[in-house]
Amino acid sequence: MKKRFANFVLDDYVSSKILAGPHASAASRPATIALRNDPHYRELVVRLKAVRFFDANPWSFAWRIALCATVYLGAFAYLLVAPSLAGRLAACVIIGVAHLRGNFIAHDASHGAISKRRPVIDLIGHFFDSFLAGYSFNYHRRVHTLHHYHCNEVDRDPNAMARLFALHDKSYADKNAFTLLTARIQHLMIPLGLPLWSFALRGESLAYVMRNWRRTKLDAVLLLAHVALWTVLPVHYLGWWGAALSYAAVTAVTGIYLGLIVPINHVGMQAFTFESAPSFVAQQLATTRNTPSSPLRDLFFIGQNSQIEHHLFPWAPTFNLGRGRKVVREFCRERGLDYHECSFADAVREIHRHFTTLARQAAASKLRDRSACVGPDALVPATSSGRDHVAG
C-alpha cells in the first residue's frame, strides 16, 4: 500500500537542503557549502556576532529549564489537591502555558541552541516534549527540520501540507470531497478549532512513532509514561472524569496559546514548490514575517515574534533574537531584500484575508482527477533506484 505523500516525506525522504541536525546528510553538503561561501550571509554573521547575537550562557537556559519544569509539576501537584473548581481551572491554565513554553525549550534544544551534545539535546527534548507534553520529540525534530529548510514549500514542508485545510493556492489537488468541504469553511473552522490543535499534534506524533517504531522506541516509552503521569494520580484524586476534563482543559489552553504565536509566522506568506524555491536567505525572507518586539512581547511570544532572525539562524538562542532585528533589518534594506514586519493585528488580518480567499477558491473549484495528485514516486528520478533518496 502506497504511503500518503506527506507521510513519505516525513518517514523516508532524504533532503538535499537540511544543513544541520540528525537529518542532514551527504545529499545536503552542496547546499551547506554554498551557504558558507555566500559572502552576504557571512557578512551578516559577522555583524550579528558584534551584537552578541549568538552568545549562549548555559545558565540562561538552566534557570529557564528549572523554572518551567517546576511550574508545570508544581501546578500539576496543586491540581490534584485544589479545594475548588476555580483553583483547578487556574492550575490547568498554568500547566497549559508551562507545557507550551517547555515545548519551546525542547525546540531550542533541537536546534542546538542549548548544547551541541546529542545526549543533552535528547534529555531536554524528551523530558519536555515526550514526557511532559505527550508529543514525540523525534517527530518534532523531523517535522521542524523539514519546515525550516523547506519553508512554505508545498511539496516538502509538512506544515504546508494540511490535510483538512488549504494553506496555499496549490492545495486542492490532493483534496477529496470531505477535505474540500473543510477547506471551504476553513476561515471559520481554524479559529474555532484552536483548542483542539494540541490534540491533533499529539495524534500526528503518535502516528509517526507507530510508523517508525524501530527508531522511536524511547518516544514510545515516554509517551506511555506521559499517560501514566496523567492517569495514575489524577484518577486517584480527581476520578476518571475529573482527570479527563483536566487534561482536556490543559490541552485546550496549549492549543489556544500555540494558535496565538505560531500561525502569524508564515501563513499567508509566499509559497514555493521544491523546484521553484530560491536560495536559502531569499526563501526565509520571502516566507516569514515578524511582529513587533519588546521585552513583554518577547516574553509572551517566546521569541517567535522575531521569526525572520530565527529562520536565518535557527541555532541562535531564542532570548537573543530581538537584539539581532535591527542588524538584519538594516542588512536587508541595504540590499533591497524584503523584511516583512507588521503589527500583530495586521498579521491576523493578513491571515484571515488569506484563509478567506482560499476558502472562496475552494468553494469555486471542482474536484480534480485523483490520478493527478503528486505521489511519493515523484521524488525519485526514473533513472535512479531511489537508494540515495530514501532514508534507511
Protein backbone atom coordinates (compact mmCIF):
# COMPACT_ATOMS: atom_id res chain seq x y z
CA MET A 1 0.00 0.00 0.00
CA LYS A 2 1.44 3.35 -1.08
CA LYS A 3 2.00 5.92 1.66
CA ARG A 4 0.37 9.31 1.65
CA PHE A 5 2.78 11.80 0.14
CA ALA A 6 3.15 13.75 3.40
CA ASN A 7 3.96 10.55 5.31
CA PHE A 8 6.55 9.59 2.71
CA VAL A 9 8.26 12.97 3.16
CA LEU A 10 8.24 12.55 6.95
CA ASP A 11 9.38 8.93 7.06
CA ASP A 12 11.65 8.33 4.08
CA TYR A 13 12.64 11.45 2.18
CA VAL A 14 16.31 12.48 2.28
CA SER A 15 16.54 16.23 1.80
CA SER A 16 19.26 17.97 -0.18
CA LYS A 17 18.69 21.18 1.80
CA ILE A 18 18.85 20.25 5.50
CA LEU A 19 22.06 21.83 6.75
CA ALA A 20 22.26 20.69 10.38
CA GLY A 21 20.97 18.14 12.85
CA PRO A 22 20.39 14.38 12.65
CA HIS A 23 18.58 14.64 9.31
CA ALA A 24 21.44 16.36 7.47
CA SER A 25 23.14 14.03 5.00
CA ALA A 26 25.68 13.82 2.21
CA ALA A 27 22.92 14.99 -0.14
CA SER A 28 22.85 18.39 1.59
CA ARG A 29 26.60 19.07 1.53
CA PRO A 30 26.47 21.20 -1.63
CA ALA A 31 23.80 23.42 -0.03
CA THR A 32 25.88 23.70 3.17
CA ILE A 33 28.99 24.70 1.21
CA ALA A 34 27.04 27.21 -0.88
CA LEU A 35 25.67 28.95 2.21
CA ARG A 36 29.04 29.03 3.96
CA ASN A 37 30.59 30.59 0.87
CA ASP A 38 27.82 33.17 0.43
CA PRO A 39 29.64 36.49 1.10
CA HIS A 40 26.45 38.33 2.09
CA TYR A 41 25.48 35.65 4.62
CA ARG A 42 29.00 35.65 6.04
CA GLU A 43 28.91 39.42 6.39
CA LEU A 44 25.58 39.20 8.23
CA VAL A 45 27.07 36.63 10.62
CA VAL A 46 29.96 39.00 11.39
CA ARG A 47 27.57 41.88 12.09
CA LEU A 48 25.43 39.73 14.39
CA LYS A 49 28.45 38.48 16.30
CA ALA A 50 29.27 42.12 17.05
CA VAL A 51 25.98 42.44 18.98
CA ARG A 52 26.49 39.05 20.72
CA PHE A 53 23.55 37.53 18.87
CA PHE A 54 24.94 34.00 19.08
CA ASP A 55 26.17 34.15 22.70
CA ALA A 56 24.61 31.43 24.82
CA ASN A 57 25.24 31.40 28.55
CA PRO A 58 24.36 27.91 29.81
CA TRP A 59 22.92 29.40 32.99
CA SER A 60 20.46 31.45 30.93
CA PHE A 61 18.95 28.19 29.77
CA ALA A 62 19.41 26.38 33.08
CA TRP A 63 17.17 28.71 35.08
CA ARG A 64 14.53 28.71 32.36
CA ILE A 65 14.53 24.91 32.27
CA ALA A 66 14.31 24.68 36.07
CA LEU A 67 11.55 27.31 36.28
CA CYS A 68 9.41 25.77 33.54
CA ALA A 69 9.69 22.24 34.96
CA THR A 70 8.97 23.48 38.50
CA VAL A 71 5.92 25.49 37.42
CA TYR A 72 4.49 22.58 35.41
CA LEU A 73 5.00 19.96 38.13
CA GLY A 74 4.05 22.36 40.94
CA ALA A 75 0.78 23.31 39.25
CA PHE A 76 0.17 19.62 38.50
CA ALA A 77 0.56 18.79 42.20
CA TYR A 78 -1.78 21.64 43.16
CA LEU A 79 -4.35 20.45 40.61
CA LEU A 80 -4.62 17.15 42.46
CA VAL A 81 -5.46 18.76 45.81
CA ALA A 82 -7.07 22.08 44.79
CA PRO A 83 -10.08 22.71 47.05
CA SER A 84 -12.22 24.45 44.43
CA LEU A 85 -13.13 24.35 40.76
CA ALA A 86 -11.58 27.80 40.28
CA GLY A 87 -8.32 26.53 41.73
CA ARG A 88 -8.31 23.57 39.37
CA LEU A 89 -9.03 25.76 36.36
CA ALA A 90 -6.21 28.10 37.36
CA ALA A 91 -3.87 25.13 37.68
CA CYS A 92 -4.90 23.89 34.22
CA VAL A 93 -4.15 27.30 32.68
CA ILE A 94 -0.72 27.42 34.34
CA ILE A 95 0.12 23.87 33.26
CA GLY A 96 -1.00 24.63 29.70
CA VAL A 97 1.23 27.70 29.49
CA ALA A 98 4.20 25.87 31.09
CA HIS A 99 3.55 22.97 28.72
CA LEU A 100 3.98 25.16 25.62
CA ARG A 101 6.94 27.06 27.00
CA GLY A 102 8.54 23.69 27.74
CA ASN A 103 7.89 22.70 24.12
CA PHE A 104 9.86 25.74 23.02
CA ILE A 105 12.74 24.86 25.34
CA ALA A 106 12.78 21.48 23.57
CA HIS A 107 12.59 23.41 20.28
CA ASP A 108 15.71 25.39 21.20
CA ALA A 109 17.45 22.17 22.21
CA SER A 110 16.57 20.54 18.89
CA HIS A 111 18.31 23.38 17.03
CA GLY A 112 21.49 23.03 19.10
CA ALA A 113 20.94 26.40 20.78
CA ILE A 114 21.38 24.95 24.28
CA SER A 115 24.08 22.37 23.61
CA LYS A 116 25.67 20.60 20.65
CA ARG A 117 25.94 17.36 22.61
CA ARG A 118 23.33 14.85 21.49
CA PRO A 119 22.70 13.31 24.97
CA VAL A 120 21.91 16.78 26.36
CA ILE A 121 19.64 17.60 23.41
CA ASP A 122 17.80 14.30 23.76
CA LEU A 123 17.43 14.62 27.54
CA ILE A 124 15.91 18.11 27.38
CA GLY A 125 13.79 17.39 24.32
CA HIS A 126 12.35 14.11 25.52
CA PHE A 127 11.67 15.46 29.02
CA PHE A 128 9.64 18.47 27.87
CA ASP A 129 8.13 17.03 24.69
CA SER A 130 7.74 13.26 25.01
CA PHE A 131 7.21 13.01 28.77
CA LEU A 132 5.56 16.22 29.98
CA ALA A 133 3.71 17.10 26.76
CA GLY A 134 2.94 13.65 25.33
CA TYR A 135 4.35 14.82 22.00
CA SER A 136 7.13 12.78 20.36
CA PHE A 137 10.41 14.71 20.38
CA ASN A 138 11.74 12.74 17.41
CA TYR A 139 8.59 13.63 15.48
CA HIS A 140 9.06 17.29 16.38
CA ARG A 141 12.67 17.26 15.20
CA ARG A 142 11.78 15.66 11.90
CA VAL A 143 8.81 17.93 11.12
CA HIS A 144 10.50 21.09 12.30
CA THR A 145 13.76 20.44 10.46
CA LEU A 146 11.91 19.87 7.19
CA HIS A 147 9.88 23.02 7.86
CA HIS A 148 12.98 25.17 8.42
CA TYR A 149 14.93 24.17 5.35
CA HIS A 150 11.91 23.78 3.05
CA CYS A 151 9.90 26.67 4.49
CA ASN A 152 6.49 27.05 2.81
CA GLU A 153 7.40 24.55 0.10
CA VAL A 154 4.07 22.97 -0.70
CA ASP A 155 5.64 19.61 -1.57
CA ARG A 156 8.27 19.33 1.18
CA ASP A 157 7.27 21.42 4.22
CA PRO A 158 4.97 19.27 6.43
CA ASN A 159 3.49 22.45 7.91
CA ALA A 160 2.27 23.42 4.44
CA MET A 161 0.59 20.05 3.82
CA ALA A 162 -2.53 20.34 5.95
CA ARG A 163 -4.95 17.57 5.08
CA LEU A 164 -8.17 19.29 6.15
CA PHE A 165 -7.37 22.83 5.01
CA ALA A 166 -5.98 24.77 2.05
CA LEU A 167 -2.98 26.76 3.25
CA HIS A 168 -1.93 27.91 -0.22
CA ASP A 169 -3.36 28.08 -3.72
CA LYS A 170 -1.78 24.76 -4.70
CA SER A 171 -3.63 22.81 -2.01
CA TYR A 172 -6.54 21.44 -3.99
CA ALA A 173 -5.03 18.59 -6.00
CA ASP A 174 -4.96 16.13 -3.07
CA LYS A 175 -8.37 17.05 -1.61
CA ASN A 176 -11.32 14.65 -1.56
CA ALA A 177 -14.94 15.65 -1.19
CA PHE A 178 -14.74 15.95 2.60
CA THR A 179 -11.46 17.88 2.82
CA LEU A 180 -12.57 20.16 0.00
CA LEU A 181 -15.63 20.93 2.15
CA THR A 182 -13.50 21.69 5.23
CA ALA A 183 -11.32 23.95 3.09
CA ARG A 184 -14.41 25.92 2.08
CA ILE A 185 -15.16 26.84 5.69
CA GLN A 186 -11.59 26.90 7.00
CA HIS A 187 -11.71 30.61 7.84
CA LEU A 188 -14.32 29.64 10.48
CA MET A 189 -13.04 26.20 11.47
CA ILE A 190 -9.43 27.13 12.13
CA PRO A 191 -10.02 29.83 14.79
CA LEU A 192 -12.75 27.76 16.45
CA GLY A 193 -10.57 24.64 16.35
CA LEU A 194 -7.53 26.09 18.12
CA PRO A 195 -8.40 24.35 21.44
CA LEU A 196 -8.12 21.03 19.56
CA TRP A 197 -4.82 21.80 17.84
CA SER A 198 -2.62 20.28 20.53
CA PHE A 199 -4.71 17.09 20.46
CA ALA A 200 -4.16 16.88 16.70
CA LEU A 201 -0.41 17.34 17.07
CA ARG A 202 -0.26 14.56 19.65
CA GLY A 203 -2.19 12.30 17.31
CA GLU A 204 0.17 13.03 14.42
CA SER A 205 3.22 12.40 16.58
CA LEU A 206 1.76 9.10 17.82
CA ALA A 207 1.11 8.01 14.22
CA TYR A 208 4.73 8.85 13.36
CA VAL A 209 6.01 6.79 16.29
CA MET A 210 3.85 3.84 15.26
CA ARG A 211 5.06 4.02 11.65
CA ASN A 212 8.71 4.36 12.71
CA TRP A 213 8.75 2.38 15.95
CA ARG A 214 12.22 0.91 15.36
CA ARG A 215 13.84 4.34 15.64
CA THR A 216 11.38 5.90 18.11
CA LYS A 217 11.35 3.33 20.92
CA LEU A 218 12.34 5.88 23.57
CA ASP A 219 9.50 8.15 22.43
CA ALA A 220 7.06 5.24 22.79
CA VAL A 221 8.21 4.51 26.35
CA LEU A 222 8.00 8.16 27.37
CA LEU A 223 4.58 8.60 25.77
CA LEU A 224 3.39 5.72 27.95
CA ALA A 225 4.99 7.47 30.92
CA HIS A 226 3.03 10.60 29.98
CA VAL A 227 -0.18 8.58 30.02
CA ALA A 228 0.76 7.25 33.46
CA LEU A 229 1.52 10.78 34.68
CA TRP A 230 -1.97 11.91 33.74
CA THR A 231 -3.88 8.84 34.86
CA VAL A 232 -2.44 7.23 37.99
CA LEU A 233 -2.52 10.12 40.49
CA PRO A 234 -5.13 12.28 38.71
CA VAL A 235 -7.62 9.39 38.61
CA HIS A 236 -6.94 8.61 42.28
CA TYR A 237 -7.52 12.23 43.40
CA LEU A 238 -9.96 13.53 40.77
CA GLY A 239 -11.68 10.44 39.41
CA TRP A 240 -11.79 9.46 35.74
CA TRP A 241 -13.98 12.35 34.67
CA GLY A 242 -12.00 14.90 36.66
CA ALA A 243 -8.72 13.64 35.24
CA ALA A 244 -10.04 13.62 31.68
CA LEU A 245 -11.56 17.09 31.90
CA SER A 246 -8.39 18.50 33.46
CA TYR A 247 -6.27 17.01 30.70
CA ALA A 248 -8.63 18.39 28.07
CA ALA A 249 -8.51 21.86 29.67
CA VAL A 250 -4.69 21.85 29.75
CA THR A 251 -4.54 20.76 26.12
CA ALA A 252 -7.06 23.41 25.06
CA VAL A 253 -5.01 26.15 26.75
CA THR A 254 -1.89 24.92 24.96
CA GLY A 255 -3.68 24.88 21.59
CA ILE A 256 -5.03 28.42 22.01
CA TYR A 257 -1.64 29.77 23.10
CA LEU A 258 0.02 27.99 20.17
CA GLY A 259 -2.56 29.48 17.82
CA LEU A 260 -1.72 32.99 19.02
CA ILE A 261 2.03 32.77 18.45
CA VAL A 262 2.69 30.36 15.56
CA PRO A 263 0.40 30.95 12.50
CA ILE A 264 1.45 34.60 12.26
CA ASN A 265 4.97 33.49 11.37
CA HIS A 266 4.35 32.02 7.90
CA VAL A 267 0.67 31.71 6.96
CA GLY A 268 -0.23 33.97 4.06
CA MET A 269 3.39 34.49 3.06
CA GLN A 270 4.80 33.37 -0.29
CA ALA A 271 4.66 29.65 -1.09
CA PHE A 272 7.01 27.68 -3.34
CA THR A 273 7.48 24.22 -4.74
CA PHE A 274 10.76 22.43 -4.17
CA GLU A 275 11.82 23.20 -7.72
CA SER A 276 10.85 26.88 -7.63
CA ALA A 277 12.33 27.74 -4.21
CA PRO A 278 15.09 30.38 -4.28
CA SER A 279 18.32 30.47 -2.26
CA PHE A 280 18.27 29.84 1.48
CA VAL A 281 18.32 33.51 2.53
CA ALA A 282 15.80 34.62 -0.11
CA GLN A 283 13.43 31.78 0.82
CA GLN A 284 13.49 32.53 4.55
CA LEU A 285 12.83 36.23 3.93
CA ALA A 286 10.02 35.59 1.44
CA THR A 287 8.17 33.10 3.63
CA THR A 288 8.49 34.66 7.09
CA ARG A 289 7.03 37.66 8.90
CA ASN A 290 7.95 39.40 12.15
CA THR A 291 5.69 41.18 14.60
CA PRO A 292 6.92 43.95 16.94
CA SER A 293 9.46 43.26 19.66
CA SER A 294 9.62 44.49 23.25
CA PRO A 295 10.57 42.70 26.50
CA LEU A 296 6.91 41.94 27.25
CA ARG A 297 6.10 40.86 23.68
CA ASP A 298 9.22 38.69 23.51
CA LEU A 299 8.17 37.02 26.75
CA PHE A 300 4.62 36.31 25.58
CA PHE A 301 5.59 35.16 22.07
CA ILE A 302 8.55 33.12 23.40
CA GLY A 303 10.76 34.90 20.86
CA GLN A 304 8.65 33.73 17.91
CA ASN A 305 7.86 37.34 17.01
CA SER A 306 11.48 37.53 15.71
CA GLN A 307 10.82 34.70 13.29
CA ILE A 308 12.95 36.06 10.44
CA GLU A 309 16.06 36.04 12.61
CA HIS A 310 15.18 32.60 13.92
CA HIS A 311 14.79 31.15 10.41
CA LEU A 312 18.03 32.66 9.17
CA PHE A 313 19.92 31.38 12.23
CA PRO A 314 17.97 28.56 13.92
CA TRP A 315 20.78 27.79 16.37
CA ALA A 316 20.73 31.28 17.90
CA PRO A 317 19.22 31.32 21.43
CA THR A 318 15.60 32.41 21.41
CA PHE A 319 16.20 35.09 24.04
CA ASN A 320 18.83 36.74 21.77
CA LEU A 321 16.67 37.03 18.66
CA GLY A 322 15.39 40.51 19.49
CA ARG A 323 18.88 42.02 19.62
CA GLY A 324 19.52 40.92 16.03
CA ARG A 325 16.44 42.51 14.47
CA LYS A 326 17.96 45.93 13.82
CA VAL A 327 21.05 44.37 12.23
CA VAL A 328 19.07 42.04 9.95
CA ARG A 329 16.56 44.77 9.01
CA GLU A 330 19.36 47.15 8.05
CA PHE A 331 21.17 44.41 6.14
CA CYS A 332 18.01 43.71 4.11
CA ARG A 333 17.40 47.40 3.45
CA GLU A 334 20.93 47.87 2.10
CA ARG A 335 20.47 45.01 -0.37
CA GLY A 336 16.88 45.68 -1.36
CA LEU A 337 15.67 42.46 0.28
CA ASP A 338 12.20 42.10 1.73
CA TYR A 339 11.92 42.25 5.52
CA HIS A 340 8.25 41.75 6.32
CA GLU A 341 7.30 43.20 9.69
CA CYS A 342 3.84 44.27 10.79
CA SER A 343 1.72 44.62 13.91
CA PHE A 344 0.06 41.56 15.41
CA ALA A 345 -3.37 42.91 14.38
CA ASP A 346 -2.20 43.41 10.79
CA ALA A 347 -0.75 39.90 10.74
CA VAL A 348 -4.08 38.46 11.92
CA ARG A 349 -5.90 40.45 9.23
CA GLU A 350 -3.48 39.21 6.56
CA ILE A 351 -4.01 35.60 7.66
CA HIS A 352 -7.80 35.94 7.81
CA ARG A 353 -7.82 37.50 4.34
CA HIS A 354 -5.60 34.69 3.06
CA PHE A 355 -7.79 31.93 4.53
CA THR A 356 -10.96 33.61 3.29
CA THR A 357 -9.60 33.95 -0.24
CA LEU A 358 -8.53 30.29 -0.31
CA ALA A 359 -11.90 29.21 1.10
CA ARG A 360 -13.66 31.04 -1.73
CA GLN A 361 -11.34 29.42 -4.25
CA ALA A 362 -12.13 26.02 -2.76
CA ALA A 363 -15.85 26.73 -2.98
CA ALA A 364 -15.47 27.65 -6.64
CA SER A 365 -13.23 24.74 -7.57
CA LYS A 366 -14.16 21.28 -8.76
CA LEU A 367 -12.62 18.04 -7.54
CA ARG A 368 -9.59 17.27 -9.64
CA ASP A 369 -8.75 13.87 -11.01
CA ARG A 370 -7.21 11.90 -8.16
CA SER A 371 -4.70 10.43 -10.55
CA ALA A 372 -3.20 13.89 -10.98
CA CYS A 373 -2.15 14.05 -7.34
CA VAL A 374 1.58 14.06 -6.71
CA GLY A 375 2.79 10.84 -5.13
CA PRO A 376 5.98 9.66 -3.48
CA ASP A 377 7.34 8.36 -6.79
CA ALA A 378 7.70 11.96 -7.95
CA LEU A 379 10.61 12.36 -5.54
CA VAL A 380 12.66 9.59 -7.12
CA PRO A 381 14.08 10.12 -10.62
CA ALA A 382 13.12 7.44 -13.11
CA THR A 383 16.79 6.72 -13.83
CA SER A 384 17.61 6.09 -10.17
CA SER A 385 17.00 3.13 -7.93
CA GLY A 386 15.97 5.66 -5.29
CA ARG A 387 18.56 4.41 -2.81
CA ASP A 388 20.10 7.86 -2.41
CA HIS A 389 16.70 9.47 -1.91
CA VAL A 390 15.13 7.22 0.68
CA ALA A 391 16.12 7.16 4.31
CA GLY A 392 17.32 3.85 5.58
